[in-house]
Structures are given as structure tokens and as C-alpha cells.
């Protein structure tokens, strides 16, 4: 069986149908990071980050949060929940701000998975600076 080849930074979504049309906006952050961040600049510990934003009804227990590091492939797989009521109310900018904050949360939590050879502080600083320059770190 052939392994799936992912771009170095890949974003995905699991969205409830009422907010599904907003899922397309996430490609703006994904493309932006792909253009401005090279994972190898931060070390050899991670070759792929797969980040999935989840926006489902609060009662939905099928899509729980997790962060998993696949050492063999140097892949970091992240599934984190967005605030569903906030997503429902968000325009595009507010939505991008929610996703940016969630991605930064993932960066803050990922080092707990004992990933060697990756400069987390510099990675977070660079991503936060990029998000701030785009207006994605404003309070929502």
C-alpha cells in the first residue's frame, strides 16, 4: 500500500452542514502558510503538519480533539475544535482569526509529544508574526 504524500502544511475541516460554506475560507490560511513557512527551516523533526479544524455541534462526540505525532513519517496530525457558536456568527475575518488562534494553540500543545529536532519557540514566533501581519490575531 502506497503512503499518501501530503504537502508540508495541510489544512482540513470537519464542519457541520450549517457552517460548511465557511470551510472554504480555511484554504486562505493554508495557502498563506505554505507560501511563507518552510518546516525544514525549524529542524528535521517534522516534515508534515496536518491540521484539521472541527466545527460541529457541541453535543457531537464523534470528533474529539487530539494531537498525534507519527514519528516514523515525522508527521504531526492535529484535530482541534473551533468554538461552534463563534463559527456560526463569524464573517470571513473573524473566522480566520478563530482558525489562527486554534493553530497557535496546536503549536503550544504539540511540544508535549516529545518531538525532537524542531524549534518550537521560533516556529510559533514566526507563525504568530505572519498571522498578526495579516490581521488574523485580533481579538474576536
C-alpha atoms as a PDB file:
ATOM      1  CA  UNK A   1       0.000   0.000   0.000  1.00  0.00           C
ATOM      2  CA  UNK A   2       1.381   3.360  -1.032  1.00  0.00           C
ATOM      3  CA  UNK A   3       1.698   6.148   1.520  1.00  0.00           C
ATOM      4  CA  UNK A   4      -0.257   9.362   0.880  1.00  0.00           C
ATOM      5  CA  UNK A   5       2.019  12.275   0.056  1.00  0.00           C
ATOM      6  CA  UNK A   6       0.930  15.407   1.897  1.00  0.00           C
ATOM      7  CA  UNK A   7       2.095  18.964   1.341  1.00  0.00           C
ATOM      8  CA  UNK A   8       4.282  20.089   4.259  1.00  0.00           C
ATOM      9  CA  UNK A   9       1.388  22.059   5.754  1.00  0.00           C
ATOM     10  CA  UNK A  10      -2.083  20.705   5.004  1.00  0.00           C
ATOM     11  CA  UNK A  11      -5.322  22.043   6.460  1.00  0.00           C
ATOM     12  CA  UNK A  12      -8.592  20.175   6.514  1.00  0.00           C
ATOM     13  CA  UNK A  13     -12.034  20.592   8.009  1.00  0.00           C
ATOM     14  CA  UNK A  14     -14.817  18.634   9.629  1.00  0.00           C
ATOM     15  CA  UNK A  15     -17.752  21.041   9.620  1.00  0.00           C
ATOM     16  CA  UNK A  16     -21.411  20.664  10.460  1.00  0.00           C
ATOM     17  CA  UNK A  17     -23.637  21.364   7.455  1.00  0.00           C
ATOM     18  CA  UNK A  18     -24.900  24.717   8.805  1.00  0.00           C
ATOM     19  CA  UNK A  19     -21.369  26.160   8.693  1.00  0.00           C
ATOM     20  CA  UNK A  20     -19.953  24.080   5.861  1.00  0.00           C
ATOM     21  CA  UNK A  21     -19.777  27.004   3.457  1.00  0.00           C
ATOM     22  CA  UNK A  22     -17.235  28.677   5.767  1.00  0.00           C
ATOM     23  CA  UNK A  23     -14.835  25.734   5.495  1.00  0.00           C
ATOM     24  CA  UNK A  24     -13.564  27.063   2.157  1.00  0.00           C
ATOM     25  CA  UNK A  25     -12.087  30.111   3.925  1.00  0.00           C
ATOM     26  CA  UNK A  26      -9.559  27.882   5.659  1.00  0.00           C
ATOM     27  CA  UNK A  27      -7.653  27.486   2.391  1.00  0.00           C
ATOM     28  CA  UNK A  28      -6.589  31.129   2.742  1.00  0.00           C
ATOM     29  CA  UNK A  29      -4.554  30.327   5.868  1.00  0.00           C
ATOM     30  CA  UNK A  30      -3.288  27.027   4.445  1.00  0.00           C
ATOM     31  CA  UNK A  31      -2.020  28.668   1.226  1.00  0.00           C
ATOM     32  CA  UNK A  32      -0.525  31.561   3.166  1.00  0.00           C
ATOM     33  CA  UNK A  33       1.463  29.257   5.458  1.00  0.00           C
ATOM     34  CA  UNK A  34       2.563  27.087   2.534  1.00  0.00           C
ATOM     35  CA  UNK A  35       3.980  30.201   0.853  1.00  0.00           C
ATOM     36  CA  UNK A  36       5.725  31.638   3.916  1.00  0.00           C
ATOM     37  CA  UNK A  37       6.766  28.723   6.136  1.00  0.00           C
ATOM     38  CA  UNK A  38       9.269  26.001   5.281  1.00  0.00           C
ATOM     39  CA  UNK A  39       9.177  23.336   8.005  1.00  0.00           C
ATOM     40  CA  UNK A  40      12.772  22.297   7.342  1.00  0.00           C
ATOM     41  CA  UNK A  41      13.869  25.778   8.495  1.00  0.00           C
ATOM     42  CA  UNK A  42      12.896  24.729  12.026  1.00  0.00           C
ATOM     43  CA  UNK A  43      14.677  21.389  12.141  1.00  0.00           C
ATOM     44  CA  UNK A  44      14.299  17.839  10.890  1.00  0.00           C
ATOM     45  CA  UNK A  45      11.739  16.660  13.453  1.00  0.00           C
ATOM     46  CA  UNK A  46       8.606  17.419  11.415  1.00  0.00           C
ATOM     47  CA  UNK A  47       8.129  17.014   7.680  1.00  0.00           C
ATOM     48  CA  UNK A  48       4.324  17.356   7.601  1.00  0.00           C
ATOM     49  CA  UNK A  49       1.708  19.136   9.693  1.00  0.00           C
ATOM     50  CA  UNK A  50      -1.871  18.011   9.037  1.00  0.00           C
ATOM     51  CA  UNK A  51      -4.212  20.404  10.816  1.00  0.00           C
ATOM     52  CA  UNK A  52      -7.943  19.715  10.918  1.00  0.00           C
ATOM     53  CA  UNK A  53     -10.348  22.318  12.283  1.00  0.00           C
ATOM     54  CA  UNK A  54     -13.538  20.809  13.626  1.00  0.00           C
ATOM     55  CA  UNK A  55     -16.764  22.849  13.770  1.00  0.00           C
ATOM     56  CA  UNK A  56     -19.572  20.573  14.886  1.00  0.00           C
ATOM     57  CA  UNK A  57     -22.471  20.875  17.296  1.00  0.00           C
ATOM     58  CA  UNK A  58     -21.258  20.908  20.908  1.00  0.00           C
ATOM     59  CA  UNK A  59     -23.209  17.682  21.540  1.00  0.00           C
ATOM     60  CA  UNK A  60     -21.232  15.831  18.836  1.00  0.00           C
ATOM     61  CA  UNK A  61     -18.886  13.327  20.498  1.00  0.00           C
ATOM     62  CA  UNK A  62     -17.672  11.662  17.283  1.00  0.00           C
ATOM     63  CA  UNK A  63     -14.979  14.234  16.610  1.00  0.00           C
ATOM     64  CA  UNK A  64     -12.863  14.556  19.723  1.00  0.00           C
ATOM     65  CA  UNK A  65      -9.703  16.636  19.860  1.00  0.00           C
ATOM     66  CA  UNK A  66      -6.279  15.081  19.571  1.00  0.00           C
ATOM     67  CA  UNK A  67      -2.703  15.797  18.618  1.00  0.00           C
ATOM     68  CA  UNK A  68      -0.656  12.843  17.427  1.00  0.00           C
ATOM     69  CA  UNK A  69       2.953  12.606  16.264  1.00  0.00           C
ATOM     70  CA  UNK A  70       3.757   9.847  13.786  1.00  0.00           C
ATOM     71  CA  UNK A  71       7.480   9.502  14.402  1.00  0.00           C
ATOM     72  CA  UNK A  72       8.142   7.117  11.513  1.00  0.00           C
ATOM     73  CA  UNK A  73       6.905   9.676   8.975  1.00  0.00           C
ATOM     74  CA  UNK A  74       7.671  12.814  11.046  1.00  0.00           C
ATOM     75  CA  UNK A  75       4.015  13.834  10.701  1.00  0.00           C
ATOM     76  CA  UNK A  76       2.125  15.909  13.219  1.00  0.00           C
ATOM     77  CA  UNK A  77      -1.631  15.259  12.996  1.00  0.00           C
ATOM     78  CA  UNK A  78      -3.885  17.738  14.765  1.00  0.00           C
ATOM     79  CA  UNK A  79      -7.668  17.703  15.181  1.00  0.00           C
ATOM     80  CA  UNK A  80      -8.942  20.597  17.284  1.00  0.00           C
ATOM     81  CA  UNK A  81     -12.382  22.084  17.760  1.00  0.00           C
ATOM     82  CA  UNK A  82     -13.357  25.589  16.888  1.00  0.00           C
ATOM     83  CA  UNK A  83     -15.931  27.355  19.043  1.00  0.00           C
ATOM     84  CA  UNK A  84     -19.074  26.313  17.140  1.00  0.00           C
ATOM     85  CA  UNK A  85     -21.300  29.276  18.141  1.00  0.00           C
ATOM     86  CA  UNK A  86     -18.460  31.662  17.225  1.00  0.00           C
ATOM     87  CA  UNK A  87     -18.058  29.977  13.822  1.00  0.00           C
ATOM     88  CA  UNK A  88     -21.819  30.319  13.230  1.00  0.00           C
ATOM     89  CA  UNK A  89     -21.637  34.074  13.809  1.00  0.00           C
ATOM     90  CA  UNK A  90     -18.270  34.739  12.151  1.00  0.00           C
ATOM     91  CA  UNK A  91     -17.712  36.649   8.975  1.00  0.00           C
ATOM     92  CA  UNK A  92     -14.594  35.731   6.985  1.00  0.00           C
ATOM     93  CA  UNK A  93     -12.132  37.807   9.026  1.00  0.00           C
ATOM     94  CA  UNK A  94     -13.496  36.623  12.375  1.00  0.00           C
ATOM     95  CA  UNK A  95     -13.370  33.042  11.105  1.00  0.00           C
ATOM     96  CA  UNK A  96      -9.743  33.387  10.022  1.00  0.00           C
ATOM     97  CA  UNK A  97      -8.932  34.820  13.440  1.00  0.00           C
ATOM     98  CA  UNK A  98     -10.556  31.792  15.116  1.00  0.00           C
ATOM     99  CA  UNK A  99      -8.549  29.382  12.967  1.00  0.00           C
ATOM    100  CA  UNK A 100      -5.300  31.313  13.523  1.00  0.00           C
ATOM    101  CA  UNK A 101      -5.805  31.166  17.303  1.00  0.00           C
ATOM    102  CA  UNK A 102      -6.549  27.444  17.089  1.00  0.00           C
ATOM    103  CA  UNK A 103      -3.395  26.804  15.048  1.00  0.00           C
ATOM    104  CA  UNK A 104      -1.328  28.700  17.630  1.00  0.00           C
ATOM    105  CA  UNK A 105      -2.938  26.590  20.359  1.00  0.00           C
ATOM    106  CA  UNK A 106      -1.813  23.498  18.450  1.00  0.00           C
ATOM    107  CA  UNK A 107       1.742  24.863  18.284  1.00  0.00           C
ATOM    108  CA  UNK A 108       1.649  25.483  22.049  1.00  0.00           C
ATOM    109  CA  UNK A 109       0.423  21.951  22.814  1.00  0.00           C
ATOM    110  CA  UNK A 110       2.453  19.965  20.266  1.00  0.00           C
ATOM    111  CA  UNK A 111       5.808  20.045  22.140  1.00  0.00           C
ATOM    112  CA  UNK A 112       4.210  17.848  24.828  1.00  0.00           C
ATOM    113  CA  UNK A 113       4.552  14.999  22.334  1.00  0.00           C
ATOM    114  CA  UNK A 114       8.326  14.857  22.735  1.00  0.00           C
ATOM    115  CA  UNK A 115       9.177  15.799  19.150  1.00  0.00           C
ATOM    116  CA  UNK A 116      12.916  16.152  18.810  1.00  0.00           C
ATOM    117  CA  UNK A 117      14.809  18.420  16.415  1.00  0.00           C
ATOM    118  CA  UNK A 118      12.170  21.087  15.946  1.00  0.00           C
ATOM    119  CA  UNK A 119      12.471  24.728  17.067  1.00  0.00           C
ATOM    120  CA  UNK A 120       9.003  25.286  18.528  1.00  0.00           C
ATOM    121  CA  UNK A 121       9.640  28.758  20.008  1.00  0.00           C
ATOM    122  CA  UNK A 122      10.932  30.158  16.693  1.00  0.00           C
ATOM    123  CA  UNK A 123       8.192  28.405  14.718  1.00  0.00           C
ATOM    124  CA  UNK A 124       5.488  29.894  16.960  1.00  0.00           C
ATOM    125  CA  UNK A 125       7.065  33.354  16.832  1.00  0.00           C
ATOM    126  CA  UNK A 126       7.253  33.282  13.025  1.00  0.00           C
ATOM    127  CA  UNK A 127       3.702  31.962  12.557  1.00  0.00           C
ATOM    128  CA  UNK A 128       2.298  34.479  15.054  1.00  0.00           C
ATOM    129  CA  UNK A 129       4.109  37.341  13.285  1.00  0.00           C
ATOM    130  CA  UNK A 130       2.705  36.237   9.925  1.00  0.00           C
ATOM    131  CA  UNK A 131      -0.809  35.959  11.347  1.00  0.00           C
ATOM    132  CA  UNK A 132      -0.506  39.347  13.017  1.00  0.00           C
ATOM    133  CA  UNK A 133       0.640  40.986   9.768  1.00  0.00           C
ATOM    134  CA  UNK A 134      -2.480  39.606   8.062  1.00  0.00           C
ATOM    135  CA  UNK A 135      -4.789  40.865  10.837  1.00  0.00           C
ATOM    136  CA  UNK A 136      -5.603  37.347  11.979  1.00  0.00           C
ATOM    137  CA  UNK A 137      -4.540  37.801  15.606  1.00  0.00           C
ATOM    138  CA  UNK A 138      -7.075  40.416  16.571  1.00  0.00           C
ATOM    139  CA  UNK A 139      -9.374  39.654  19.461  1.00  0.00           C
ATOM    140  CA  UNK A 140     -12.600  38.098  18.227  1.00  0.00           C
END
